[in-house]
Amino acid sequence: MRMFKAAVFAASLMLSVAPAALAETPAEVLVVAQNIDDIVSIDPAEAYEFSSGEYVTQTYDRLVQYDAPDVLKLSPGLASEWTADDAAKTITFTLRDGVTFSSGNPLRGEDVVYSFKRVVALNKAPAFILTQLGWTPENIDKMVTADGNKVTIKYEGDFSSAFVLNVLAARPASVVDAEAVKANEADGDYGNAWLKANSAGSGPFVLKAFRAGELLNLQSNPNYFGGAPAIKGVIIRHVAEAATQQLMLETGDVDMAKNLTPDQVASLGAKSGMKVESYPQAAVHFLSFNQKAAALQPPAVWEAARYLVDYKGMTDSFLKGQMEVHQAFWPKGFPGSLDETPYTYDVEKAKKILADAGIQTPIKVTLDVINSTPFTDMAQSLQASFAEAGINFDIIPGTGSQVITKYRARTHEAMLLYWGPDFMDPHSNAKAFAYNEDNADDKYQSTTTWRNGWAVPAELNEATKAALKEADPAKRSALYVDLQRKVQETSPIVIMFQAATQVAMKDKVEGYVNGATSDFVFYRLVKKN
């Protein structure tokens, strides 16, 4: 902190002495200040973090995808058309003509087959998105086949082709250049190590350099089938501190700052040459209790916790403009969302719930949190409000990757984190928050339920599967609303907020698209006028 204050003082001194000597970013390169320390991997078969999701969208394509400028519409990607046969549970895609990878290699059906096979074989964090289609290492060669420019997808399960298309528009369904990746395989890793530092896609940008905790440097792909990007490149600089991001934007070192506080956003929005854009987000923020900790197992603790969150206090102050109160797992604004918010901050009610259940207080709990705004501010608010009822949080800050790695290993007690849908279908979040039929330690699942050691009741598991099977859109939405209400009432995962993001940028920046998920962030239309 001392070093940071010194840096700010030095920078302010420099500005007061030489205000005319402001920096200027390159005319044809967008420079972004962003906290990207959550990145664990940039291989699309492994990338499962918010920042890595943004990266994959810039460098890879899918058969079908949600694309700029209309990110709510499923559009042709590497496939120009497709035919679904729900009875036979198959979808046949026709590949787009003239597509090449950044290496110059042409797109082939074999690239699609290899890409899906490597996701299943590697079985990294996001693999479940594809394997839920019934794909296994043993059957993948039969489930995904190519014949010239035709690719046939087979699937198993009680769901419609509409659900499958949403799955195939998800991040791990990104298509890689099979020849380039195979040339860099090592010890049967399907090129995983190489793709952590290189790109092999057909997207509008190509990876020029990635240095973890430092930067992502993207170079435009002039041969992109959707048209060359309007700018020559994008440099995303890792800047954890919001105050430093603001300083860099004001001094001209960056064109855009993505992780500012509401107060900073308000001050920048009033300055000449600056503008602030707001974008609703699909991420929901939650407090969860690991069921491996005995003190956190009683349902009374879960219920009391819902009354110990100072929802309004946070959204009216440091979260203003960044989040709104939302207490269900599917985000507001999407079909099937439950928008009721029945819980408010009520310490006395929480105390009574704990006392009636015979819960002995005080309870000491460690709380893991990402060490950046607004998460540390949220943790401090929770620490203060929960202490009123005798639940004492010991805050453990860490980098995004440290916190997420610990969470996946189920070694935390309480966790303050967020979740965004893996693909645009309510089952994406339903499976994460309302389903867990096998809670064994050796049965890893990329869900909040498994990661918190919660053996979901059979009733909820069955309700989740029933909603997935339903073909009628209206009935399906109603099932998801009912499922959310049940999880809202009794679960060790306390959903508190839905995110909104405010991005500050120079007013000369135009064409930036920021959809509801990190996979819907697009730089290819950006211009610097």
Protein backbone atom coordinates (compact mmCIF):
# COMPACT_ATOMS: atom_id res chain seq x y z
CA MET A 1 0.00 0.00 0.00
CA ARG A 2 2.92 2.32 0.82
CA MET A 3 4.37 1.75 -2.66
CA PHE A 4 0.98 2.41 -4.26
CA LYS A 5 0.54 5.72 -2.38
CA ALA A 6 4.00 6.76 -3.42
CA ALA A 7 3.22 5.95 -7.04
CA VAL A 8 0.02 8.00 -6.96
CA PHE A 9 1.85 10.92 -5.31
CA ALA A 10 4.63 10.78 -7.87
CA ALA A 11 2.14 10.67 -10.72
CA SER A 12 0.15 13.60 -9.34
CA LEU A 13 3.36 15.56 -8.88
CA MET A 14 4.31 14.84 -12.49
CA LEU A 15 0.89 16.04 -13.68
CA SER A 16 1.12 19.25 -11.70
CA VAL A 17 4.57 20.01 -13.06
CA ALA A 18 4.03 19.01 -16.71
CA PRO A 19 0.33 18.76 -17.59
CA ALA A 20 1.02 19.04 -21.31
CA ALA A 21 3.19 15.92 -21.38
CA LEU A 22 0.33 13.42 -21.26
CA ALA A 23 0.86 10.01 -22.81
CA GLU A 24 -0.92 8.94 -25.96
CA THR A 25 -1.77 5.38 -26.97
CA PRO A 26 -1.03 4.23 -30.54
CA ALA A 27 -3.69 5.45 -32.98
CA GLU A 28 -4.61 1.98 -34.26
CA VAL A 29 -4.23 0.00 -31.02
CA LEU A 30 -6.75 -0.12 -28.18
CA VAL A 31 -5.05 -0.22 -24.77
CA VAL A 32 -7.15 -1.49 -21.87
CA ALA A 33 -6.51 -1.47 -18.11
CA GLN A 34 -8.16 -4.50 -16.55
CA ASN A 35 -7.70 -6.92 -13.67
CA ILE A 36 -6.92 -10.20 -15.45
CA ASP A 37 -5.27 -12.14 -12.64
CA ASP A 38 -8.14 -14.65 -12.62
CA ILE A 39 -6.72 -16.32 -15.74
CA VAL A 40 -5.63 -19.91 -15.08
CA SER A 41 -5.39 -20.95 -18.75
CA ILE A 42 -6.11 -19.47 -22.19
CA ASP A 43 -6.46 -22.84 -23.95
CA PRO A 44 -10.14 -22.85 -25.03
CA ALA A 45 -10.43 -26.44 -23.79
CA GLU A 46 -9.40 -25.28 -20.31
CA ALA A 47 -10.24 -21.56 -20.11
CA TYR A 48 -12.95 -21.21 -17.49
CA GLU A 49 -12.47 -17.75 -16.03
CA PHE A 50 -14.10 -14.46 -16.93
CA SER A 51 -10.97 -12.85 -18.40
CA SER A 52 -9.98 -15.95 -20.35
CA GLY A 53 -13.52 -16.06 -21.75
CA GLU A 54 -13.03 -12.59 -23.23
CA TYR A 55 -9.75 -13.74 -24.77
CA VAL A 56 -11.21 -16.88 -26.37
CA THR A 57 -13.95 -14.83 -28.06
CA GLN A 58 -11.34 -12.62 -29.71
CA THR A 59 -9.22 -15.46 -31.06
CA TYR A 60 -11.55 -18.40 -31.82
CA ASP A 61 -14.89 -19.19 -33.45
CA ARG A 62 -17.61 -21.80 -32.94
CA LEU A 63 -19.91 -23.54 -35.40
CA VAL A 64 -22.70 -21.29 -34.16
CA GLN A 65 -22.19 -18.29 -31.92
CA TYR A 66 -23.63 -15.18 -30.34
CA ASP A 67 -21.81 -12.44 -32.21
CA ALA A 68 -21.52 -8.66 -32.30
CA PRO A 69 -23.37 -6.45 -32.71
CA ASP A 70 -26.49 -8.47 -31.73
CA VAL A 71 -25.20 -10.69 -28.94
CA LEU A 72 -28.64 -12.05 -28.02
CA LYS A 73 -29.15 -13.77 -31.37
CA LEU A 74 -27.68 -17.18 -32.18
CA SER A 75 -25.94 -16.75 -35.53
CA PRO A 76 -23.96 -18.83 -38.02
CA GLY A 77 -20.29 -19.01 -37.14
CA LEU A 78 -17.96 -21.47 -38.82
CA ALA A 79 -21.09 -23.22 -40.05
CA SER A 80 -23.12 -21.46 -42.72
CA GLU A 81 -26.19 -23.62 -42.11
CA TRP A 82 -27.40 -26.65 -40.20
CA THR A 83 -30.23 -29.19 -40.09
CA ALA A 84 -31.53 -30.69 -36.85
CA ASP A 85 -33.25 -34.05 -36.48
CA ASP A 86 -34.63 -34.19 -32.94
CA ALA A 87 -35.96 -37.72 -33.33
CA ALA A 88 -32.55 -39.04 -34.36
CA LYS A 89 -30.77 -36.65 -31.96
CA THR A 90 -28.42 -35.36 -34.65
CA ILE A 91 -27.48 -31.96 -36.09
CA THR A 92 -25.65 -31.73 -39.41
CA PHE A 93 -23.61 -28.60 -40.08
CA THR A 94 -22.30 -27.26 -43.38
CA LEU A 95 -18.99 -25.46 -42.93
CA ARG A 96 -18.55 -21.96 -44.25
CA ASP A 97 -16.46 -21.68 -47.43
CA GLY A 98 -13.14 -19.83 -47.50
CA VAL A 99 -12.36 -19.78 -43.77
CA THR A 100 -8.71 -20.01 -42.79
CA PHE A 101 -6.98 -20.18 -39.44
CA SER A 102 -4.41 -17.56 -38.48
CA SER A 103 -1.73 -20.02 -39.61
CA GLY A 104 -3.17 -19.95 -43.12
CA ASN A 105 -4.47 -23.51 -42.87
CA PRO A 106 -8.00 -23.93 -44.28
CA LEU A 107 -10.91 -24.88 -42.03
CA ARG A 108 -11.82 -28.59 -42.41
CA GLY A 109 -14.34 -30.88 -40.82
CA GLU A 110 -11.40 -32.68 -39.24
CA ASP A 111 -10.60 -29.54 -37.24
CA VAL A 112 -14.04 -29.61 -35.64
CA VAL A 113 -13.73 -33.31 -34.83
CA TYR A 114 -10.27 -32.84 -33.30
CA SER A 115 -11.32 -29.77 -31.31
CA PHE A 116 -14.26 -31.51 -29.64
CA LYS A 117 -12.26 -34.68 -29.07
CA ARG A 118 -9.45 -32.83 -27.28
CA VAL A 119 -11.93 -31.13 -24.93
CA VAL A 120 -13.38 -34.50 -23.95
CA ALA A 121 -9.98 -36.21 -23.71
CA LEU A 122 -8.32 -33.45 -21.67
CA ASN A 123 -11.34 -33.25 -19.35
CA LYS A 124 -10.43 -29.84 -17.99
CA ALA A 125 -12.82 -27.59 -16.02
CA PRO A 126 -15.21 -26.65 -18.89
CA ALA A 127 -15.32 -30.13 -20.46
CA PHE A 128 -18.64 -30.92 -18.76
CA ILE A 129 -20.37 -28.43 -21.07
CA LEU A 130 -19.72 -30.78 -23.99
CA THR A 131 -19.74 -34.12 -22.19
CA GLN A 132 -23.29 -33.48 -20.97
CA LEU A 133 -24.25 -34.33 -24.57
CA GLY A 134 -23.31 -37.93 -23.80
CA TRP A 135 -19.81 -37.64 -25.23
CA THR A 136 -17.03 -39.74 -23.71
CA PRO A 137 -13.42 -40.52 -24.70
CA GLU A 138 -14.70 -43.92 -25.81
CA ASN A 139 -17.53 -42.74 -28.08
CA ILE A 140 -16.48 -39.28 -29.26
CA ASP A 141 -15.23 -40.59 -32.62
CA LYS A 142 -18.76 -41.84 -33.34
CA MET A 143 -20.59 -38.85 -31.87
CA VAL A 144 -18.76 -36.22 -33.93
CA THR A 145 -17.91 -37.10 -37.53
CA ALA A 146 -16.88 -35.23 -40.67
CA ASP A 147 -17.48 -35.88 -44.36
CA GLY A 148 -16.00 -33.15 -46.52
CA ASN A 149 -17.56 -29.85 -45.45
CA LYS A 150 -20.29 -31.60 -43.46
CA VAL A 151 -20.00 -32.20 -39.71
CA THR A 152 -22.55 -34.39 -37.96
CA ILE A 153 -23.13 -34.05 -34.24
CA LYS A 154 -24.89 -36.81 -32.32
CA TYR A 155 -26.05 -36.43 -28.75
CA GLU A 156 -27.63 -38.47 -26.00
CA GLY A 157 -29.96 -37.12 -23.37
CA ASP A 158 -33.46 -35.86 -22.74
CA PHE A 159 -33.12 -32.42 -24.24
CA SER A 160 -33.95 -30.71 -27.52
CA SER A 161 -31.67 -29.62 -30.36
CA ALA A 162 -32.22 -25.99 -29.28
CA PHE A 163 -30.39 -26.77 -26.04
CA VAL A 164 -27.61 -28.53 -27.98
CA LEU A 165 -27.08 -25.51 -30.23
CA ASN A 166 -26.63 -23.33 -27.15
CA VAL A 167 -24.06 -25.82 -25.86
CA LEU A 168 -22.19 -25.69 -29.17
CA ALA A 169 -22.10 -21.90 -28.96
CA ALA A 170 -20.23 -22.14 -25.65
CA ARG A 171 -16.54 -21.47 -25.10
CA PRO A 172 -15.16 -25.06 -25.07
CA ALA A 173 -16.80 -25.67 -28.46
CA SER A 174 -14.28 -23.28 -30.01
CA VAL A 175 -12.59 -24.80 -33.05
CA VAL A 176 -8.79 -24.98 -33.12
CA ASP A 177 -6.41 -25.47 -36.02
CA ALA A 178 -5.79 -29.21 -35.68
CA GLU A 179 -2.61 -29.24 -37.77
CA ALA A 180 -1.01 -26.40 -35.80
CA VAL A 181 -1.95 -27.88 -32.43
CA LYS A 182 -0.88 -31.43 -33.33
CA ALA A 183 2.53 -30.09 -34.37
CA ASN A 184 2.95 -28.78 -30.82
CA GLU A 185 1.65 -31.72 -28.80
CA ALA A 186 3.89 -32.97 -26.00
CA ASP A 187 3.47 -36.24 -24.13
CA GLY A 188 -0.10 -36.67 -25.33
CA ASP A 189 -1.30 -33.30 -23.99
CA TYR A 190 -3.22 -32.37 -27.17
CA GLY A 191 -1.15 -29.17 -27.33
CA ASN A 192 -2.47 -27.94 -23.98
CA ALA A 193 0.88 -26.55 -22.79
CA TRP A 194 1.48 -24.81 -26.13
CA LEU A 195 -1.99 -23.25 -26.24
CA LYS A 196 -1.40 -21.66 -22.85
CA ALA A 197 0.96 -19.27 -24.61
CA ASN A 198 -0.22 -19.36 -28.23
CA SER A 199 -3.45 -19.13 -30.20
CA ALA A 200 -4.56 -21.43 -33.02
CA GLY A 201 -7.92 -20.07 -34.03
CA SER A 202 -9.76 -18.39 -36.87
CA GLY A 203 -10.98 -15.40 -34.86
CA PRO A 204 -10.61 -11.67 -35.55
CA PHE A 205 -7.44 -11.47 -33.46
CA VAL A 206 -4.28 -13.53 -33.00
CA LEU A 207 -2.33 -13.81 -29.76
CA LYS A 208 0.92 -11.92 -30.00
CA ALA A 209 1.95 -12.30 -26.34
CA PHE A 210 0.52 -13.43 -23.03
CA ARG A 211 2.32 -12.86 -19.75
CA ALA A 212 0.30 -13.99 -16.74
CA GLY A 213 -0.45 -11.16 -14.34
CA GLU A 214 0.96 -8.65 -16.82
CA LEU A 215 -0.70 -8.44 -20.24
CA LEU A 216 -2.54 -9.91 -23.20
CA ASN A 217 -1.36 -8.56 -26.57
CA LEU A 218 -3.66 -9.27 -29.51
CA GLN A 219 -2.93 -8.56 -33.17
CA SER A 220 -5.70 -8.18 -35.74
CA ASN A 221 -6.35 -10.98 -38.23
CA PRO A 222 -6.69 -9.32 -41.67
CA ASN A 223 -8.14 -12.53 -43.12
CA TYR A 224 -11.00 -12.92 -40.66
CA PHE A 225 -14.07 -14.26 -42.48
CA GLY A 226 -16.27 -11.64 -40.82
CA GLY A 227 -14.05 -8.80 -41.99
CA ALA A 228 -10.77 -7.50 -40.62
CA PRO A 229 -11.04 -5.66 -37.28
CA ALA A 230 -11.20 -1.89 -37.47
CA ILE A 231 -8.08 -1.60 -35.30
CA LYS A 232 -4.67 -3.22 -35.64
CA GLY A 233 -4.48 -4.62 -32.14
CA VAL A 234 -5.63 -4.74 -28.53
CA ILE A 235 -3.33 -4.63 -25.51
CA ILE A 236 -4.95 -5.59 -22.21
CA ARG A 237 -2.70 -4.55 -19.33
CA HIS A 238 -3.21 -6.22 -15.98
CA VAL A 239 -3.90 -3.47 -13.45
CA ALA A 240 -5.36 -4.72 -10.18
CA GLU A 241 -5.85 -1.39 -8.40
CA ALA A 242 -8.87 0.66 -9.47
CA ALA A 243 -7.11 3.91 -8.53
CA THR A 244 -4.21 3.03 -10.80
CA GLN A 245 -6.60 2.24 -13.65
CA GLN A 246 -8.19 5.68 -13.24
CA LEU A 247 -4.81 7.40 -13.18
CA MET A 248 -3.68 5.61 -16.34
CA LEU A 249 -6.88 6.58 -18.16
CA GLU A 250 -6.58 10.21 -17.10
CA THR A 251 -2.93 10.45 -18.10
CA GLY A 252 -3.52 8.83 -21.49
CA ASP A 253 -1.66 5.58 -20.84
CA VAL A 254 -4.78 3.55 -21.64
CA ASP A 255 -7.94 4.09 -23.69
CA MET A 256 -10.25 2.11 -21.44
CA ALA A 257 -10.52 1.15 -17.75
CA LYS A 258 -12.73 -1.76 -16.75
CA ASN A 259 -12.61 -2.16 -12.97
CA LEU A 260 -13.37 1.26 -11.51
CA THR A 261 -15.42 2.01 -8.40
CA PRO A 262 -18.74 3.89 -8.69
CA ASP A 263 -17.14 7.04 -7.26
CA GLN A 264 -14.37 6.89 -9.84
CA VAL A 265 -16.87 6.28 -12.64
CA ALA A 266 -18.94 9.27 -11.53
CA SER A 267 -15.92 11.57 -11.48
CA LEU A 268 -14.65 10.41 -14.88
CA GLY A 269 -18.04 10.67 -16.55
CA ALA A 270 -18.07 14.41 -15.89
CA LYS A 271 -14.62 15.03 -17.39
CA SER A 272 -14.03 16.31 -20.89
CA GLY A 273 -12.76 13.68 -23.29
CA MET A 274 -14.16 10.81 -21.21
CA LYS A 275 -17.34 8.74 -21.30
CA VAL A 276 -18.81 5.92 -19.28
CA GLU A 277 -20.90 3.09 -20.74
CA SER A 278 -23.04 0.73 -18.61
CA TYR A 279 -23.72 -2.89 -19.56
CA PRO A 280 -26.02 -5.38 -17.75
CA GLN A 281 -24.25 -8.58 -16.87
CA ALA A 282 -25.33 -12.18 -16.41
CA ALA A 283 -23.02 -12.79 -13.45
CA VAL A 284 -24.61 -13.42 -10.07
CA HIS A 285 -22.61 -12.81 -6.90
CA PHE A 286 -22.97 -15.13 -3.94
CA LEU A 287 -21.74 -16.11 -0.52
CA SER A 288 -21.38 -19.86 -0.11
CA PHE A 289 -20.73 -22.21 2.80
CA ASN A 290 -18.67 -25.36 2.31
CA GLN A 291 -20.60 -28.30 3.72
CA LYS A 292 -17.35 -29.99 4.70
CA ALA A 293 -17.28 -27.50 7.62
CA ALA A 294 -19.57 -28.90 10.35
CA ALA A 295 -20.48 -25.48 11.75
CA LEU A 296 -21.88 -24.46 8.36
CA GLN A 297 -24.06 -27.51 7.77
CA PRO A 298 -27.26 -26.58 9.69
CA PRO A 299 -29.95 -25.14 7.35
CA ALA A 300 -30.66 -22.55 10.04
CA VAL A 301 -27.22 -21.04 9.35
CA TRP A 302 -28.08 -20.80 5.65
CA GLU A 303 -31.42 -19.14 6.40
CA ALA A 304 -29.99 -16.71 8.94
CA ALA A 305 -27.27 -15.75 6.48
CA ARG A 306 -29.89 -14.50 4.04
CA TYR A 307 -30.93 -11.89 6.61
CA LEU A 308 -27.39 -10.85 7.49
CA VAL A 309 -26.45 -9.42 4.11
CA ASP A 310 -26.80 -5.63 3.99
CA TYR A 311 -28.07 -5.70 0.42
CA LYS A 312 -29.32 -2.11 0.23
CA GLY A 313 -26.41 -0.73 2.19
CA MET A 314 -23.97 -2.10 -0.36
CA THR A 315 -25.92 -1.28 -3.54
CA ASP A 316 -26.60 2.26 -2.31
CA SER A 317 -22.93 2.92 -1.63
CA PHE A 318 -19.81 1.25 -3.02
CA LEU A 319 -21.73 -1.10 -5.35
CA LYS A 320 -23.90 1.64 -6.82
CA GLY A 321 -23.99 1.25 -10.59
CA GLN A 322 -22.09 -2.04 -10.39
CA MET A 323 -24.67 -4.41 -8.94
CA GLU A 324 -28.35 -4.68 -8.15
CA VAL A 325 -30.07 -6.90 -5.58
CA HIS A 326 -30.92 -10.26 -7.12
CA GLN A 327 -31.49 -13.42 -5.08
CA ALA A 328 -31.98 -16.20 -7.64
CA PHE A 329 -29.51 -18.16 -9.74
CA TRP A 330 -30.70 -17.17 -13.25
CA PRO A 331 -30.08 -13.48 -14.03
CA LYS A 332 -32.85 -10.96 -14.46
CA GLY A 333 -33.69 -10.11 -18.05
CA PHE A 334 -33.52 -13.64 -19.39
CA PRO A 335 -36.48 -16.01 -19.92
CA GLY A 336 -37.10 -18.12 -16.82
CA SER A 337 -35.65 -15.71 -14.25
CA LEU A 338 -37.08 -15.34 -10.74
CA ASP A 339 -36.92 -11.65 -9.90
CA GLU A 340 -38.45 -11.67 -6.41
CA THR A 341 -36.13 -10.47 -3.63
CA PRO A 342 -37.77 -11.63 -0.37
CA TYR A 343 -34.72 -11.19 1.90
CA THR A 344 -33.63 -7.96 3.57
CA TYR A 345 -31.05 -7.09 6.20
CA ASP A 346 -32.66 -8.08 9.54
CA VAL A 347 -30.22 -8.93 12.33
CA GLU A 348 -32.88 -9.67 14.94
CA LYS A 349 -34.64 -12.12 12.66
CA ALA A 350 -31.33 -13.85 11.92
CA LYS A 351 -30.55 -14.11 15.65
CA LYS A 352 -33.96 -15.66 16.30
CA ILE A 353 -33.50 -18.22 13.52
CA LEU A 354 -30.16 -19.28 15.01
CA ALA A 355 -31.50 -19.37 18.57
CA ASP A 356 -34.62 -21.35 17.67
CA ALA A 357 -32.44 -23.95 15.97
CA GLY A 358 -30.14 -24.17 18.99
CA ILE A 359 -27.10 -22.90 17.08
CA GLN A 360 -24.29 -21.92 19.43
CA THR A 361 -22.51 -18.66 18.66
CA PRO A 362 -19.99 -17.25 18.09
CA ILE A 363 -19.05 -19.19 14.97
CA LYS A 364 -15.62 -18.54 13.45
CA VAL A 365 -15.43 -18.89 9.68
CA THR A 366 -12.71 -18.13 7.16
CA LEU A 367 -13.93 -16.16 4.14
CA ASP A 368 -11.92 -16.35 0.91
CA VAL A 369 -12.17 -13.34 -1.38
CA ILE A 370 -10.48 -11.96 -4.49
CA ASN A 371 -8.12 -9.20 -3.41
CA SER A 372 -9.52 -6.36 -5.51
CA THR A 373 -12.48 -4.03 -5.59
CA PRO A 374 -15.36 -4.44 -5.10
CA PHE A 375 -14.85 -7.89 -3.57
CA THR A 376 -12.77 -6.73 -0.60
CA ASP A 377 -15.35 -4.03 0.19
CA MET A 378 -18.14 -6.63 0.00
CA ALA A 379 -16.20 -8.95 2.32
CA GLN A 380 -15.73 -6.19 4.89
CA SER A 381 -19.45 -5.37 4.77
CA LEU A 382 -20.33 -9.04 5.29
CA GLN A 383 -17.80 -9.30 8.10
CA ALA A 384 -19.45 -6.39 9.92
CA SER A 385 -23.07 -7.44 9.38
CA PHE A 386 -22.59 -11.14 10.17
CA ALA A 387 -20.70 -10.29 13.36
CA GLU A 388 -23.91 -8.70 14.66
CA ALA A 389 -25.37 -12.22 14.92
CA GLY A 390 -22.20 -13.91 16.18
CA ILE A 391 -20.86 -15.24 12.88
CA ASN A 392 -17.30 -13.97 12.67
CA PHE A 393 -15.54 -13.95 9.32
CA ASP A 394 -11.76 -14.10 9.06
CA ILE A 395 -11.13 -12.62 5.61
CA ILE A 396 -8.49 -14.36 3.46
CA PRO A 397 -7.66 -12.29 0.36
CA GLY A 398 -5.97 -13.83 -2.68
CA THR A 399 -5.53 -13.40 -6.40
CA GLY A 400 -8.39 -14.52 -8.59
CA SER A 401 -6.58 -17.69 -9.64
CA GLN A 402 -5.61 -18.52 -6.03
CA VAL A 403 -9.17 -18.15 -4.78
CA ILE A 404 -10.70 -20.10 -7.67
CA THR A 405 -8.11 -22.91 -7.40
CA LYS A 406 -8.88 -23.26 -3.68
CA TYR A 407 -12.61 -23.25 -4.42
CA ARG A 408 -12.27 -26.04 -7.00
CA ALA A 409 -10.32 -28.08 -4.44
CA ARG A 410 -13.11 -27.64 -1.83
CA THR A 411 -10.61 -26.47 0.80
CA HIS A 412 -12.39 -23.21 1.74
CA GLU A 413 -14.97 -22.61 4.46
CA ALA A 414 -16.93 -19.59 3.23
CA MET A 415 -16.41 -18.13 -0.23
CA LEU A 416 -17.36 -14.79 -1.78
CA LEU A 417 -17.48 -15.29 -5.53
CA TYR A 418 -19.53 -14.90 -8.68
CA TRP A 419 -20.91 -17.15 -11.40
CA GLY A 420 -21.80 -16.50 -15.00
CA PRO A 421 -23.67 -18.93 -17.24
CA ASP A 422 -21.47 -21.14 -19.36
CA PHE A 423 -23.91 -20.80 -22.22
CA MET A 424 -27.17 -18.96 -22.86
CA ASP A 425 -29.58 -21.51 -21.43
CA PRO A 426 -31.03 -21.55 -17.87
CA HIS A 427 -29.82 -25.11 -17.42
CA SER A 428 -26.30 -23.71 -17.35
CA ASN A 429 -26.99 -22.12 -13.96
CA ALA A 430 -29.54 -24.68 -12.80
CA LYS A 431 -26.94 -27.43 -13.03
CA ALA A 432 -24.48 -25.24 -11.12
CA PHE A 433 -26.80 -24.23 -8.27
CA ALA A 434 -29.47 -26.95 -8.04
CA TYR A 435 -27.89 -30.24 -9.07
CA ASN A 436 -25.34 -32.64 -7.58
CA GLU A 437 -26.12 -36.35 -7.61
CA ASP A 438 -22.61 -37.49 -6.68
CA ASN A 439 -20.82 -35.48 -4.01
CA ALA A 440 -17.76 -37.75 -3.75
CA ASP A 441 -14.36 -36.03 -3.58
CA ASP A 442 -13.13 -37.93 -6.63
CA LYS A 443 -16.18 -36.97 -8.74
CA TYR A 444 -15.16 -33.43 -9.65
CA GLN A 445 -17.88 -31.23 -11.09
CA SER A 446 -17.61 -27.62 -12.25
CA THR A 447 -20.61 -26.54 -10.19
CA THR A 448 -21.13 -24.42 -7.10
CA THR A 449 -22.98 -27.29 -5.45
CA TRP A 450 -20.11 -29.81 -5.72
CA ARG A 451 -17.46 -27.22 -4.94
CA ASN A 452 -19.30 -26.40 -1.72
CA GLY A 453 -19.75 -30.06 -0.85
CA TRP A 454 -23.55 -29.81 -0.96
CA ALA A 455 -25.28 -33.12 -1.65
CA VAL A 456 -28.36 -31.67 -3.32
CA PRO A 457 -31.67 -33.30 -2.25
CA ALA A 458 -33.14 -35.77 -4.75
CA GLU A 459 -36.20 -33.54 -5.26
CA LEU A 460 -34.05 -30.71 -6.63
CA ASN A 461 -31.97 -33.03 -8.78
CA GLU A 462 -35.13 -34.43 -10.36
CA ALA A 463 -36.63 -30.96 -10.85
CA THR A 464 -33.45 -29.83 -12.63
CA LYS A 465 -33.63 -32.78 -15.01
CA ALA A 466 -37.35 -32.25 -15.64
CA ALA A 467 -36.78 -28.61 -16.66
CA LEU A 468 -34.04 -29.65 -19.04
CA LYS A 469 -36.33 -32.15 -20.79
CA GLU A 470 -39.25 -29.77 -21.28
CA ALA A 471 -39.62 -28.70 -24.91
CA ASP A 472 -42.37 -26.12 -24.51
CA PRO A 473 -40.69 -22.72 -23.87
CA ALA A 474 -43.39 -21.32 -21.56
CA LYS A 475 -43.62 -24.49 -19.46
CA ARG A 476 -39.83 -24.71 -19.35
CA SER A 477 -39.51 -21.14 -18.04
CA ALA A 478 -42.12 -21.86 -15.34
CA LEU A 479 -40.19 -24.93 -14.20
CA TYR A 480 -37.01 -22.89 -13.85
CA VAL A 481 -38.82 -20.19 -11.85
CA ASP A 482 -40.10 -22.83 -9.44
CA LEU A 483 -36.66 -24.44 -9.18
CA GLN A 484 -35.06 -21.09 -8.35
CA ARG A 485 -37.62 -20.43 -5.64
CA LYS A 486 -36.78 -23.75 -3.95
CA VAL A 487 -33.04 -23.08 -4.07
CA GLN A 488 -33.63 -19.54 -2.83
CA GLU A 489 -35.41 -20.90 0.25
CA THR A 490 -32.91 -23.54 1.32
CA SER A 491 -29.36 -23.76 0.07
CA PRO A 492 -25.87 -23.12 1.49
CA ILE A 493 -25.34 -20.71 -1.42
CA VAL A 494 -26.67 -17.22 -0.69
CA ILE A 495 -27.20 -15.33 -3.95
CA MET A 496 -27.05 -11.61 -3.31
CA PHE A 497 -26.55 -9.54 -6.46
CA GLN A 498 -26.57 -9.43 -10.23
CA ALA A 499 -23.73 -7.53 -11.79
CA ALA A 500 -23.73 -4.54 -14.04
CA THR A 501 -20.49 -3.28 -15.43
CA GLN A 502 -19.47 0.29 -16.11
CA VAL A 503 -16.58 0.83 -18.48
CA ALA A 504 -14.82 4.19 -18.64
CA MET A 505 -13.12 5.10 -21.89
CA LYS A 506 -11.86 7.96 -23.99
CA ASP A 507 -14.72 9.51 -25.95
CA LYS A 508 -12.90 8.76 -29.19
CA VAL A 509 -13.45 5.01 -28.65
CA GLU A 510 -16.46 3.71 -30.59
CA GLY A 511 -17.86 0.27 -31.43
CA TYR A 512 -17.00 -1.59 -28.21
CA VAL A 513 -19.54 -4.35 -27.51
CA ASN A 514 -19.95 -5.76 -24.01
CA GLY A 515 -22.70 -8.36 -23.72
CA ALA A 516 -24.11 -9.98 -20.60
CA THR A 517 -21.30 -12.54 -20.25
CA SER A 518 -17.54 -12.42 -20.67
CA ASP A 519 -17.90 -14.51 -23.84
CA PHE A 520 -19.88 -11.64 -25.36
CA VAL A 521 -17.13 -9.01 -25.21
CA PHE A 522 -16.05 -7.94 -28.69
CA TYR A 523 -13.22 -5.65 -29.79
CA ARG A 524 -13.33 -6.24 -33.54
CA LEU A 525 -15.73 -3.35 -34.22
CA VAL A 526 -13.80 -0.82 -32.11
CA LYS A 527 -12.59 2.37 -33.77
CA LYS A 528 -10.58 5.24 -32.30
CA ASN A 529 -11.90 8.36 -34.00
